[in-house]
N, C-alpha and C. Protein backbone atom coordinates (compact mmCIF):
# COMPACT_ATOMS: atom_id res chain seq x y z
N MET A 1 158.64 -13.35 62.33
CA MET A 1 158.01 -12.32 61.92
C MET A 1 157.03 -12.44 60.92
N LYS A 2 155.62 -12.30 61.02
CA LYS A 2 154.78 -12.55 60.13
C LYS A 2 153.94 -11.27 59.38
N ILE A 3 153.39 -11.40 58.44
CA ILE A 3 152.51 -10.44 57.69
C ILE A 3 150.94 -10.90 57.52
N PHE A 4 150.12 -10.35 58.43
CA PHE A 4 148.77 -10.58 58.22
C PHE A 4 147.86 -9.86 57.51
N LYS A 5 146.73 -9.95 57.00
CA LYS A 5 145.77 -9.16 56.29
C LYS A 5 144.67 -8.68 57.07
N SER A 6 144.46 -9.43 58.19
CA SER A 6 143.55 -8.92 59.28
C SER A 6 143.80 -8.99 60.57
N PHE A 7 142.83 -8.37 61.44
CA PHE A 7 143.32 -8.40 62.81
C PHE A 7 142.82 -9.81 63.42
N ASP A 8 143.65 -10.94 63.32
CA ASP A 8 143.63 -12.14 63.95
C ASP A 8 143.62 -12.13 65.06
N LEU A 9 142.83 -12.86 65.74
CA LEU A 9 142.89 -13.04 67.30
C LEU A 9 144.30 -13.69 67.81
N GLU A 10 144.87 -14.24 66.67
CA GLU A 10 146.29 -14.62 67.31
C GLU A 10 147.17 -13.39 67.68
N LEU A 11 146.99 -12.43 66.91
CA LEU A 11 147.65 -11.14 67.37
C LEU A 11 147.44 -10.69 68.52
N ALA A 12 146.38 -10.90 68.90
CA ALA A 12 145.56 -10.36 70.22
C ALA A 12 146.66 -11.15 71.46
N GLU A 13 146.56 -12.30 71.42
CA GLU A 13 147.48 -12.97 72.04
C GLU A 13 148.94 -12.80 72.04
N ILE A 14 149.53 -12.45 70.82
CA ILE A 14 150.89 -12.01 71.02
C ILE A 14 150.90 -10.94 71.55
N LEU A 15 150.22 -9.68 71.42
CA LEU A 15 150.21 -8.40 72.41
C LEU A 15 150.16 -8.56 73.65
N LYS A 16 149.15 -9.60 74.29
CA LYS A 16 148.99 -9.60 75.52
C LYS A 16 149.97 -10.26 75.90
N ASN A 17 150.70 -11.27 75.54
CA ASN A 17 152.00 -11.93 76.06
C ASN A 17 153.46 -11.09 76.04
N GLY A 18 153.32 -9.71 75.42
CA GLY A 18 154.45 -8.99 75.37
C GLY A 18 155.05 -8.67 74.02
N GLY A 19 154.37 -9.05 73.20
CA GLY A 19 154.60 -9.00 71.59
C GLY A 19 154.43 -7.26 71.11
N ILE A 20 154.93 -7.25 69.83
CA ILE A 20 154.73 -5.67 69.36
C ILE A 20 154.64 -6.05 67.85
N GLY A 21 153.81 -5.24 67.32
CA GLY A 21 153.37 -5.10 65.89
C GLY A 21 153.14 -4.11 65.12
N VAL A 22 152.90 -4.05 64.00
CA VAL A 22 152.47 -2.57 63.23
C VAL A 22 151.18 -2.93 62.59
N ILE A 23 150.28 -2.16 63.11
CA ILE A 23 148.86 -2.42 62.46
C ILE A 23 148.28 -1.04 62.00
N PRO A 24 147.32 -1.10 61.12
CA PRO A 24 146.43 0.03 60.56
C PRO A 24 145.85 0.51 61.55
N THR A 25 145.84 1.76 62.22
CA THR A 25 144.64 2.36 62.85
C THR A 25 143.73 3.15 62.17
N ASP A 26 142.76 3.72 62.74
CA ASP A 26 142.06 4.65 62.24
C ASP A 26 142.65 5.97 61.52
N THR A 27 143.58 6.26 61.56
CA THR A 27 144.42 7.16 60.91
C THR A 27 145.37 6.67 60.14
N ILE A 28 146.81 6.38 60.44
CA ILE A 28 147.60 5.91 59.83
C ILE A 28 148.56 4.63 60.31
N TYR A 29 149.26 4.04 59.94
CA TYR A 29 149.90 2.84 60.79
C TYR A 29 150.45 3.13 62.19
N GLY A 30 150.71 2.44 62.97
CA GLY A 30 151.10 2.76 64.28
C GLY A 30 151.91 1.36 64.58
N ILE A 31 152.98 1.76 65.50
CA ILE A 31 153.41 0.40 66.21
C ILE A 31 153.15 0.33 67.35
N VAL A 32 152.61 -0.89 67.87
CA VAL A 32 151.65 -1.07 69.01
C VAL A 32 152.13 -2.30 69.96
N GLY A 33 151.90 -2.03 71.30
CA GLY A 33 152.34 -3.19 72.27
C GLY A 33 151.26 -2.71 73.45
N SER A 34 151.62 -3.62 74.36
CA SER A 34 150.54 -3.49 75.67
C SER A 34 150.98 -1.89 76.22
N ALA A 35 150.03 -1.31 76.67
CA ALA A 35 150.34 -0.06 77.64
C ALA A 35 150.25 -0.40 78.92
N LEU A 36 149.93 -1.56 79.40
CA LEU A 36 150.24 -1.91 80.62
C LEU A 36 151.66 -2.91 80.82
N ASN A 37 152.38 -3.00 80.00
CA ASN A 37 153.51 -3.50 80.11
C ASN A 37 154.78 -2.88 79.86
N VAL A 38 155.39 -2.40 81.01
CA VAL A 38 156.61 -1.63 81.24
C VAL A 38 157.53 -1.73 79.88
N ASP A 39 158.15 -3.08 80.09
CA ASP A 39 158.97 -3.51 79.16
C ASP A 39 158.56 -3.32 77.52
N VAL A 40 157.34 -3.33 77.38
CA VAL A 40 157.02 -3.31 75.95
C VAL A 40 156.88 -1.90 75.48
N VAL A 41 156.57 -0.82 76.35
CA VAL A 41 156.68 0.30 76.47
C VAL A 41 158.21 0.94 76.13
N GLU A 42 158.95 0.46 76.69
CA GLU A 42 160.15 0.75 76.89
C GLU A 42 160.99 0.43 75.43
N LYS A 43 160.74 -0.63 74.75
CA LYS A 43 161.20 -1.41 73.68
C LYS A 43 160.77 -0.61 72.45
N ILE A 44 159.40 -0.21 72.75
CA ILE A 44 158.99 0.95 71.61
C ILE A 44 159.72 2.01 71.24
N TYR A 45 159.86 2.53 72.63
CA TYR A 45 160.66 4.02 72.46
C TYR A 45 162.17 3.72 71.81
N LYS A 46 162.53 2.58 72.01
CA LYS A 46 163.97 2.08 71.61
C LYS A 46 163.81 1.91 69.94
N LEU A 47 162.80 1.20 69.52
CA LEU A 47 162.48 0.83 68.17
C LEU A 47 162.16 2.20 67.51
N ARG A 48 161.25 3.11 67.88
CA ARG A 48 161.02 4.36 67.24
C ARG A 48 162.29 5.30 67.57
N LYS A 49 163.03 5.16 68.35
CA LYS A 49 164.25 6.11 68.38
C LYS A 49 163.42 7.53 68.95
N ARG A 50 162.69 7.30 70.05
CA ARG A 50 161.69 8.18 70.51
C ARG A 50 162.45 8.98 71.59
N ASN A 51 162.22 9.96 71.78
CA ASN A 51 162.54 10.90 72.92
C ASN A 51 161.79 10.05 73.97
N LYS A 52 162.37 9.69 75.25
CA LYS A 52 161.74 9.35 76.33
C LYS A 52 161.17 10.16 77.30
N LYS A 53 161.15 11.40 76.90
CA LYS A 53 160.37 12.30 77.65
C LYS A 53 158.90 12.54 77.25
N LYS A 54 158.87 11.97 75.86
CA LYS A 54 157.43 12.21 75.36
C LYS A 54 156.47 11.36 75.36
N PRO A 55 155.36 11.50 75.94
CA PRO A 55 154.46 10.23 76.03
C PRO A 55 153.97 9.97 74.85
N MET A 56 153.25 8.71 74.83
CA MET A 56 152.64 8.10 73.47
C MET A 56 151.08 8.04 73.51
N ILE A 57 150.57 8.17 72.43
CA ILE A 57 148.99 7.88 72.66
C ILE A 57 148.78 6.79 72.67
N ILE A 58 147.79 6.59 73.45
CA ILE A 58 147.20 5.02 73.70
C ILE A 58 145.66 4.95 73.20
N LEU A 59 145.70 3.66 72.47
CA LEU A 59 144.29 3.37 71.76
C LEU A 59 143.60 2.68 73.02
N ILE A 60 142.17 2.75 73.08
CA ILE A 60 141.58 1.99 74.04
C ILE A 60 140.42 1.52 73.34
N GLY A 61 139.64 0.53 73.83
CA GLY A 61 138.47 -0.43 73.38
C GLY A 61 137.15 0.50 73.59
N SER A 62 137.09 1.24 74.79
CA SER A 62 136.05 1.75 75.37
C SER A 62 136.23 2.72 76.49
N ILE A 63 135.43 3.58 76.71
CA ILE A 63 135.53 4.72 77.93
C ILE A 63 136.12 4.07 79.14
N ASP A 64 135.52 3.00 79.32
CA ASP A 64 135.70 2.18 80.61
C ASP A 64 137.34 1.53 81.01
N ASP A 65 138.04 1.68 80.01
CA ASP A 65 139.52 1.47 79.98
C ASP A 65 140.24 2.18 80.65
N LEU A 66 139.50 3.64 80.81
CA LEU A 66 140.60 4.54 81.58
C LEU A 66 140.50 4.32 82.98
N LYS A 67 139.39 3.16 83.40
CA LYS A 67 139.73 2.87 84.88
C LYS A 67 140.83 2.11 85.01
N LEU A 68 141.65 1.59 84.06
CA LEU A 68 142.76 0.51 84.31
C LEU A 68 143.80 1.61 84.82
N PHE A 69 143.66 2.97 84.55
CA PHE A 69 144.96 3.92 84.65
C PHE A 69 144.74 4.81 85.87
N GLY A 70 143.58 4.25 86.48
CA GLY A 70 143.06 5.13 87.77
C GLY A 70 142.43 6.72 87.47
N ILE A 71 142.07 6.71 86.14
CA ILE A 71 141.57 7.88 85.93
C ILE A 71 140.01 7.93 86.20
N THR A 72 139.39 8.72 86.94
CA THR A 72 138.07 9.10 87.01
C THR A 72 137.73 10.35 86.46
N LEU A 73 136.42 10.21 85.80
CA LEU A 73 136.23 11.57 84.67
C LEU A 73 135.11 12.31 85.55
N ASP A 74 134.95 13.62 85.81
CA ASP A 74 133.92 14.12 86.01
C ASP A 74 132.84 14.26 85.01
N SER A 75 131.49 14.48 85.54
CA SER A 75 130.36 14.37 84.70
C SER A 75 130.59 14.96 83.37
N LYS A 76 130.83 16.22 83.06
CA LYS A 76 131.07 17.17 81.96
C LYS A 76 132.01 16.37 81.07
N THR A 77 133.26 15.92 81.51
CA THR A 77 134.17 15.16 80.93
C THR A 77 133.68 13.99 80.29
N LYS A 78 132.84 13.47 81.17
CA LYS A 78 132.39 11.86 80.65
C LYS A 78 131.42 12.05 79.41
N ARG A 79 130.40 13.11 79.78
CA ARG A 79 129.42 13.58 78.64
C ARG A 79 129.99 13.97 77.33
N ILE A 80 131.31 14.62 77.68
CA ILE A 80 131.86 15.04 76.00
C ILE A 80 132.48 14.00 75.54
N LEU A 81 133.05 12.98 76.23
CA LEU A 81 133.60 11.91 75.65
C LEU A 81 132.74 10.93 75.05
N SER A 82 131.51 10.84 75.57
CA SER A 82 130.58 9.87 75.19
C SER A 82 129.92 10.63 73.89
N LYS A 83 130.27 11.61 73.77
CA LYS A 83 129.53 12.41 72.31
C LYS A 83 130.80 12.34 71.10
N ILE A 84 132.03 12.63 71.57
CA ILE A 84 133.17 12.59 70.58
C ILE A 84 133.48 11.07 70.14
N TRP A 85 133.52 10.01 71.22
CA TRP A 85 134.12 8.89 70.72
C TRP A 85 133.16 8.04 70.56
N PRO A 86 133.54 6.80 69.49
CA PRO A 86 134.63 6.86 69.00
C PRO A 86 134.98 7.82 67.72
N ASN A 87 136.14 8.23 67.67
CA ASN A 87 136.49 9.18 66.42
C ASN A 87 137.95 9.28 66.33
N LYS A 88 138.47 10.18 65.35
CA LYS A 88 139.68 10.09 65.03
C LYS A 88 140.14 11.44 66.15
N ILE A 89 139.89 11.35 67.40
CA ILE A 89 140.20 12.54 68.68
C ILE A 89 140.77 11.87 69.59
N SER A 90 141.97 12.65 69.76
CA SER A 90 142.84 11.88 71.09
C SER A 90 142.21 12.99 72.19
N VAL A 91 142.49 12.42 73.28
CA VAL A 91 142.19 13.33 74.41
C VAL A 91 143.25 13.47 75.52
N VAL A 92 143.85 14.40 75.83
CA VAL A 92 144.84 14.48 77.19
C VAL A 92 143.74 14.48 78.15
N LEU A 93 144.22 13.61 79.25
CA LEU A 93 143.49 13.42 80.57
C LEU A 93 144.57 13.27 81.65
N SER A 94 144.04 13.95 82.82
CA SER A 94 145.05 13.76 84.07
C SER A 94 145.35 12.40 84.55
N CYS A 95 146.82 12.25 84.67
CA CYS A 95 147.13 10.79 85.30
C CYS A 95 148.16 11.18 85.74
N ARG A 96 148.13 10.97 87.27
CA ARG A 96 149.41 11.21 88.06
C ARG A 96 149.66 10.31 88.92
N ASN A 97 149.21 9.09 88.62
CA ASN A 97 149.52 8.09 89.57
C ASN A 97 151.02 7.48 88.97
N LYS A 98 151.63 7.66 90.01
CA LYS A 98 153.35 7.22 89.86
C LYS A 98 153.49 5.94 89.36
N LYS A 99 152.54 5.16 89.40
CA LYS A 99 152.36 3.64 88.53
C LYS A 99 152.79 3.71 87.38
N PHE A 100 152.05 4.76 86.69
CA PHE A 100 151.95 4.92 85.32
C PHE A 100 153.23 5.83 84.75
N SER A 101 154.48 6.14 85.91
CA SER A 101 155.11 7.15 85.02
C SER A 101 156.04 6.73 83.96
N TYR A 102 156.16 5.51 83.65
CA TYR A 102 156.53 4.82 82.51
C TYR A 102 155.80 5.30 81.38
N LEU A 103 154.76 5.67 81.44
CA LEU A 103 153.72 6.07 80.13
C LEU A 103 153.79 7.54 80.32
N HIS A 104 153.46 8.14 81.55
CA HIS A 104 153.22 9.75 81.25
C HIS A 104 154.35 10.48 81.41
N LYS A 105 155.82 10.04 81.86
CA LYS A 105 157.19 10.60 81.86
C LYS A 105 157.21 11.75 82.47
N GLY A 106 155.95 12.05 83.69
CA GLY A 106 156.30 12.95 84.57
C GLY A 106 155.53 14.04 84.19
N THR A 107 154.81 13.97 82.99
CA THR A 107 154.05 15.00 82.83
C THR A 107 152.56 15.20 83.39
N GLY A 108 152.25 14.13 84.05
CA GLY A 108 151.11 13.76 84.99
C GLY A 108 149.89 13.79 83.94
N SER A 109 150.14 13.63 82.54
CA SER A 109 148.93 13.20 81.75
C SER A 109 149.03 12.16 80.86
N LEU A 110 147.92 11.75 80.24
CA LEU A 110 147.94 10.89 79.19
C LEU A 110 147.26 11.16 78.11
N ALA A 111 147.43 10.62 76.58
CA ALA A 111 146.38 11.02 75.67
C ALA A 111 146.04 9.65 75.42
N PHE A 112 144.55 9.53 74.92
CA PHE A 112 143.88 8.47 74.84
C PHE A 112 143.12 8.62 73.39
N ARG A 113 142.56 7.80 72.68
CA ARG A 113 141.70 7.81 71.60
C ARG A 113 140.65 6.38 71.33
N SER A 114 139.56 6.44 71.29
CA SER A 114 138.75 5.39 71.07
C SER A 114 138.61 5.22 69.65
N PRO A 115 139.12 4.51 68.87
CA PRO A 115 139.22 4.28 67.42
C PRO A 115 137.77 4.31 66.78
N ILE A 116 137.77 4.97 65.62
CA ILE A 116 136.39 5.16 64.90
C ILE A 116 135.88 3.75 64.54
N CYS A 117 134.66 3.62 64.76
CA CYS A 117 134.19 2.10 63.96
C CYS A 117 133.31 3.03 63.01
N ILE A 118 133.66 2.04 61.77
CA ILE A 118 133.04 1.95 60.44
C ILE A 118 132.25 0.60 60.02
N ASN A 119 131.31 0.48 60.14
CA ASN A 119 130.93 -1.09 59.48
C ASN A 119 131.31 -1.16 58.17
N GLY A 120 131.95 -2.76 58.02
CA GLY A 120 132.47 -3.26 56.90
C GLY A 120 133.88 -3.00 56.63
N SER A 121 134.67 -2.15 57.52
CA SER A 121 135.70 -1.79 57.25
C SER A 121 136.85 -2.30 58.33
N ARG A 122 138.28 -2.01 58.12
CA ARG A 122 138.97 -2.64 59.32
C ARG A 122 138.87 -1.97 60.24
N ASN A 123 138.57 -0.87 60.05
CA ASN A 123 138.63 -0.15 61.41
C ASN A 123 137.50 -0.76 62.53
N ARG A 124 136.48 -1.19 61.98
CA ARG A 124 135.56 -2.08 62.83
C ARG A 124 136.31 -2.96 63.58
N GLY A 125 137.26 -3.71 62.84
CA GLY A 125 137.96 -4.99 63.46
C GLY A 125 138.93 -4.51 64.32
N LEU A 126 139.56 -2.97 64.16
CA LEU A 126 140.35 -2.38 65.47
C LEU A 126 139.43 -2.31 66.58
N ALA A 127 138.24 -1.92 66.52
CA ALA A 127 137.61 -1.56 67.79
C ALA A 127 137.42 -2.90 68.49
N TYR A 128 137.28 -4.05 67.69
CA TYR A 128 136.91 -5.02 68.39
C TYR A 128 138.32 -5.96 68.87
N PHE A 129 139.33 -5.60 68.27
CA PHE A 129 140.34 -6.11 68.63
C PHE A 129 140.99 -5.50 69.82
N LEU A 130 140.96 -4.19 69.85
CA LEU A 130 141.32 -3.60 71.24
C LEU A 130 140.41 -4.08 72.34
N LYS A 131 139.18 -4.45 72.23
CA LYS A 131 138.59 -5.15 73.48
C LYS A 131 139.27 -6.41 73.60
N LYS A 132 139.92 -7.28 72.85
CA LYS A 132 140.68 -8.34 72.98
C LYS A 132 142.04 -8.18 73.78
N THR A 133 142.82 -7.25 73.15
CA THR A 133 143.94 -6.72 73.65
C THR A 133 144.33 -5.94 74.83
N GLY A 134 143.40 -5.07 75.13
CA GLY A 134 143.58 -4.19 76.26
C GLY A 134 143.88 -2.94 75.39
N PRO A 135 144.58 -2.01 76.36
CA PRO A 135 145.02 -0.56 75.88
C PRO A 135 146.34 -0.77 75.25
N LEU A 136 146.57 -0.01 74.13
CA LEU A 136 147.75 -0.35 73.50
C LEU A 136 148.35 1.25 73.01
N VAL A 137 149.52 1.22 73.50
CA VAL A 137 150.32 2.46 72.97
C VAL A 137 150.75 2.36 71.34
N ALA A 138 150.38 3.42 70.60
CA ALA A 138 150.24 3.37 69.36
C ALA A 138 150.84 4.54 68.63
N PRO A 139 152.09 5.07 68.52
CA PRO A 139 152.57 5.98 68.06
C PRO A 139 152.64 5.28 66.64
N SER A 140 153.14 6.60 65.76
CA SER A 140 153.29 6.04 64.24
C SER A 140 154.29 5.41 63.84
N ALA A 141 154.26 4.53 63.01
CA ALA A 141 154.89 3.64 62.54
C ALA A 141 156.11 4.13 61.80
N ASN A 142 156.95 4.79 62.48
CA ASN A 142 158.48 5.49 61.81
C ASN A 142 159.19 5.63 63.03
N TRP A 143 160.49 6.08 62.85
CA TRP A 143 161.44 6.60 63.66
C TRP A 143 161.11 8.20 63.93
N GLU A 144 161.20 8.48 65.18
CA GLU A 144 160.93 9.98 65.21
C GLU A 144 161.77 11.00 64.44
N GLY A 145 160.78 11.84 64.06
CA GLY A 145 161.30 12.93 62.86
C GLY A 145 161.32 12.60 61.75
N TYR A 146 160.88 11.29 61.17
CA TYR A 146 161.09 10.74 59.88
C TYR A 146 159.45 10.66 59.37
N GLU A 147 159.41 10.33 58.22
CA GLU A 147 157.75 10.33 57.56
C GLU A 147 157.22 9.32 58.03
N PRO A 148 156.15 9.29 58.40
CA PRO A 148 154.98 8.15 59.04
C PRO A 148 154.81 7.11 57.70
N SER A 149 155.06 5.88 58.25
CA SER A 149 154.59 4.71 57.05
C SER A 149 153.31 4.80 56.57
N ARG A 150 153.06 4.77 55.25
CA ARG A 150 151.79 4.73 54.72
C ARG A 150 151.47 3.49 54.01
N ASN A 151 152.39 2.64 54.47
CA ASN A 151 152.09 1.20 53.84
C ASN A 151 153.21 0.18 54.64
N ILE A 152 152.94 -1.20 54.78
CA ILE A 152 153.68 -1.82 55.46
C ILE A 152 155.27 -2.09 54.63
N ARG A 153 155.29 -1.92 53.31
CA ARG A 153 156.84 -1.74 53.24
C ARG A 153 157.64 -0.39 53.61
N GLY A 154 157.07 0.49 53.77
CA GLY A 154 157.42 1.60 54.63
C GLY A 154 157.93 1.32 55.97
N ALA A 155 156.66 0.66 56.61
CA ALA A 155 157.07 0.23 58.09
C ALA A 155 158.38 -0.93 58.25
N ARG A 156 158.27 -1.67 57.27
CA ARG A 156 159.45 -2.66 57.34
C ARG A 156 160.59 -2.13 57.34
N GLY A 157 160.82 -1.02 56.44
CA GLY A 157 162.24 -0.21 56.30
C GLY A 157 162.80 0.36 57.62
N TYR A 158 161.56 0.61 58.41
CA TYR A 158 162.09 1.24 59.65
C TYR A 158 162.34 0.11 60.67
N PHE A 159 161.56 -0.79 60.81
CA PHE A 159 161.64 -2.02 61.95
C PHE A 159 161.77 -3.43 61.52
N GLY A 160 162.00 -3.85 60.27
CA GLY A 160 162.57 -4.99 59.58
C GLY A 160 161.66 -6.17 60.43
N ASP A 161 162.60 -7.16 61.07
CA ASP A 161 162.29 -8.33 61.57
C ASP A 161 162.54 -8.13 63.23
N ARG A 162 162.62 -6.97 63.62
CA ARG A 162 162.79 -6.73 64.87
C ARG A 162 161.35 -6.53 65.75
N ILE A 163 160.14 -6.78 65.12
CA ILE A 163 159.12 -6.93 65.87
C ILE A 163 158.15 -8.22 65.47
N ASP A 164 157.19 -8.43 65.95
CA ASP A 164 156.58 -9.66 65.89
C ASP A 164 155.86 -9.83 64.80
N PHE A 165 154.81 -8.93 64.10
CA PHE A 165 153.86 -9.01 63.06
C PHE A 165 153.88 -7.53 62.39
N TYR A 166 153.12 -7.75 61.30
CA TYR A 166 152.64 -6.80 60.46
C TYR A 166 151.15 -7.04 60.16
N VAL A 167 150.50 -6.08 59.77
CA VAL A 167 148.95 -6.20 59.56
C VAL A 167 148.76 -5.34 58.48
N ASP A 168 148.82 -5.84 57.36
CA ASP A 168 148.59 -5.16 56.06
C ASP A 168 147.12 -4.87 55.34
N ALA A 169 147.19 -3.39 55.57
CA ALA A 169 145.82 -2.88 54.91
C ALA A 169 146.07 -2.04 53.87
N GLY A 170 147.00 -2.38 53.08
CA GLY A 170 147.04 -1.29 51.85
C GLY A 170 147.69 -0.01 52.17
N THR A 171 147.59 1.03 51.55
CA THR A 171 147.97 2.55 51.53
C THR A 171 146.91 2.84 52.57
N LYS A 172 147.44 3.73 53.53
CA LYS A 172 146.65 4.49 54.20
C LYS A 172 147.01 5.69 54.39
N MET A 173 146.09 6.78 53.96
CA MET A 173 146.57 8.00 53.83
C MET A 173 145.43 8.90 54.74
N SER A 174 145.77 9.64 55.76
CA SER A 174 144.98 10.27 56.94
C SER A 174 145.91 11.42 57.36
N LEU A 175 145.01 12.17 57.74
CA LEU A 175 145.72 13.14 58.70
C LEU A 175 145.67 12.60 60.26
N PRO A 176 146.78 13.07 61.05
CA PRO A 176 146.78 12.79 62.47
C PRO A 176 145.50 12.81 63.02
N SER A 177 145.42 12.51 64.31
CA SER A 177 144.19 12.47 65.03
C SER A 177 144.18 13.97 65.52
N THR A 178 142.92 14.75 65.69
CA THR A 178 142.93 15.94 66.15
C THR A 178 143.16 15.61 67.91
N LEU A 179 144.09 16.52 68.48
CA LEU A 179 144.47 16.32 69.76
C LEU A 179 143.67 17.49 70.85
N ILE A 180 143.04 17.12 71.77
CA ILE A 180 142.03 18.07 72.50
C ILE A 180 142.57 17.87 74.23
N MET A 181 142.11 19.07 74.77
CA MET A 181 141.92 18.93 76.47
C MET A 181 140.76 19.19 76.62
N ILE A 182 140.01 18.70 77.84
CA ILE A 182 138.64 19.47 78.33
C ILE A 182 138.84 19.99 79.52
N LYS A 183 138.82 21.19 79.58
CA LYS A 183 138.76 22.08 80.82
C LYS A 183 137.43 22.96 80.89
N ASN A 184 136.89 22.39 82.51
CA ASN A 184 135.59 23.11 82.73
C ASN A 184 134.51 23.13 81.66
N GLY A 185 134.27 21.97 81.27
CA GLY A 185 133.44 21.61 80.29
C GLY A 185 133.32 22.06 78.95
N GLU A 186 134.84 22.63 78.47
CA GLU A 186 134.88 23.30 77.14
C GLU A 186 136.19 22.25 76.46
N ILE A 187 136.19 22.39 75.02
CA ILE A 187 137.28 21.77 74.45
C ILE A 187 138.51 22.66 74.26
N GLU A 188 139.43 22.47 74.35
CA GLU A 188 140.73 23.05 73.92
C GLU A 188 141.49 22.28 72.71
N ILE A 189 141.63 22.84 71.85
CA ILE A 189 142.14 22.14 70.85
C ILE A 189 143.85 22.20 70.89
N LEU A 190 144.51 21.31 71.07
CA LEU A 190 146.25 21.41 71.20
C LEU A 190 146.68 21.10 69.67
N ARG A 191 145.90 20.28 68.88
CA ARG A 191 146.23 19.99 67.40
C ARG A 191 145.23 19.89 66.62
N GLU A 192 145.19 20.71 65.43
CA GLU A 192 144.16 20.34 64.63
C GLU A 192 144.53 19.18 63.71
N GLY A 193 143.43 18.15 63.48
CA GLY A 193 143.61 16.94 62.84
C GLY A 193 142.65 16.74 61.90
N ALA A 194 142.28 15.12 61.71
CA ALA A 194 141.34 14.55 61.12
C ALA A 194 139.98 15.33 61.42
N VAL A 195 139.68 15.53 62.54
CA VAL A 195 138.06 15.96 62.79
C VAL A 195 138.04 17.68 63.07
N LYS A 196 137.10 18.13 62.78
CA LYS A 196 137.19 19.64 63.01
C LYS A 196 136.03 19.74 64.14
N LEU A 197 136.56 20.46 65.28
CA LEU A 197 135.55 20.68 66.42
C LEU A 197 135.54 21.87 67.03
N SER A 198 134.45 21.95 67.53
CA SER A 198 134.12 23.53 68.12
C SER A 198 134.74 23.23 69.48
N VAL A 199 135.24 24.75 69.95
CA VAL A 199 136.06 24.74 70.99
C VAL A 199 135.21 24.65 72.33
N LYS A 200 134.07 24.72 72.21
CA LYS A 200 132.99 24.37 73.21
C LYS A 200 132.40 23.11 73.17
N SER A 201 131.91 22.31 74.39
CA SER A 201 131.27 21.26 74.41
C SER A 201 130.09 20.98 73.67
N GLY A 202 129.55 22.19 73.48
CA GLY A 202 128.01 22.12 72.91
C GLY A 202 127.01 21.50 73.90
């Protein structure tokens, strides 16, 4: 287990090869692994002591990554996503492909987020990093029902040396992402969070 101070490309290779790490996301620290690797996803469920019936949010580098999950967007949804992403907004989209049942757990939907890019910050590094790793499941770095980790010390208290690496960005304090669905060209807010939105697409 190693601790890094930035999104070293060595870490992208670790994740692509089935590794698991804790990183600072655009909101709080998350425990991450490849969303396209069934074994990795199941290992993260075990590490987090998470209810296996509950899907996890997936971080993507761009809207084009949705194609990897067989998701085709209608014109209204694509237009809305192009307006609100990248941002601290997670969007629930239909994904009924049985190939991804290990992710959607029979719900027929998955939540995605394209993290915000801020020039000169580690968030910019995260957006670039995701283009190297591909989509990552990224639940908060804690056991289910426990307090989210605000720093690496807290995350290590949960996961210790059972993961491959940690990326230390100091203390992170943020509301969780805003969670939405898009129906008939309108935004339905499922959870208020870091970004305030109108219920309509505008």
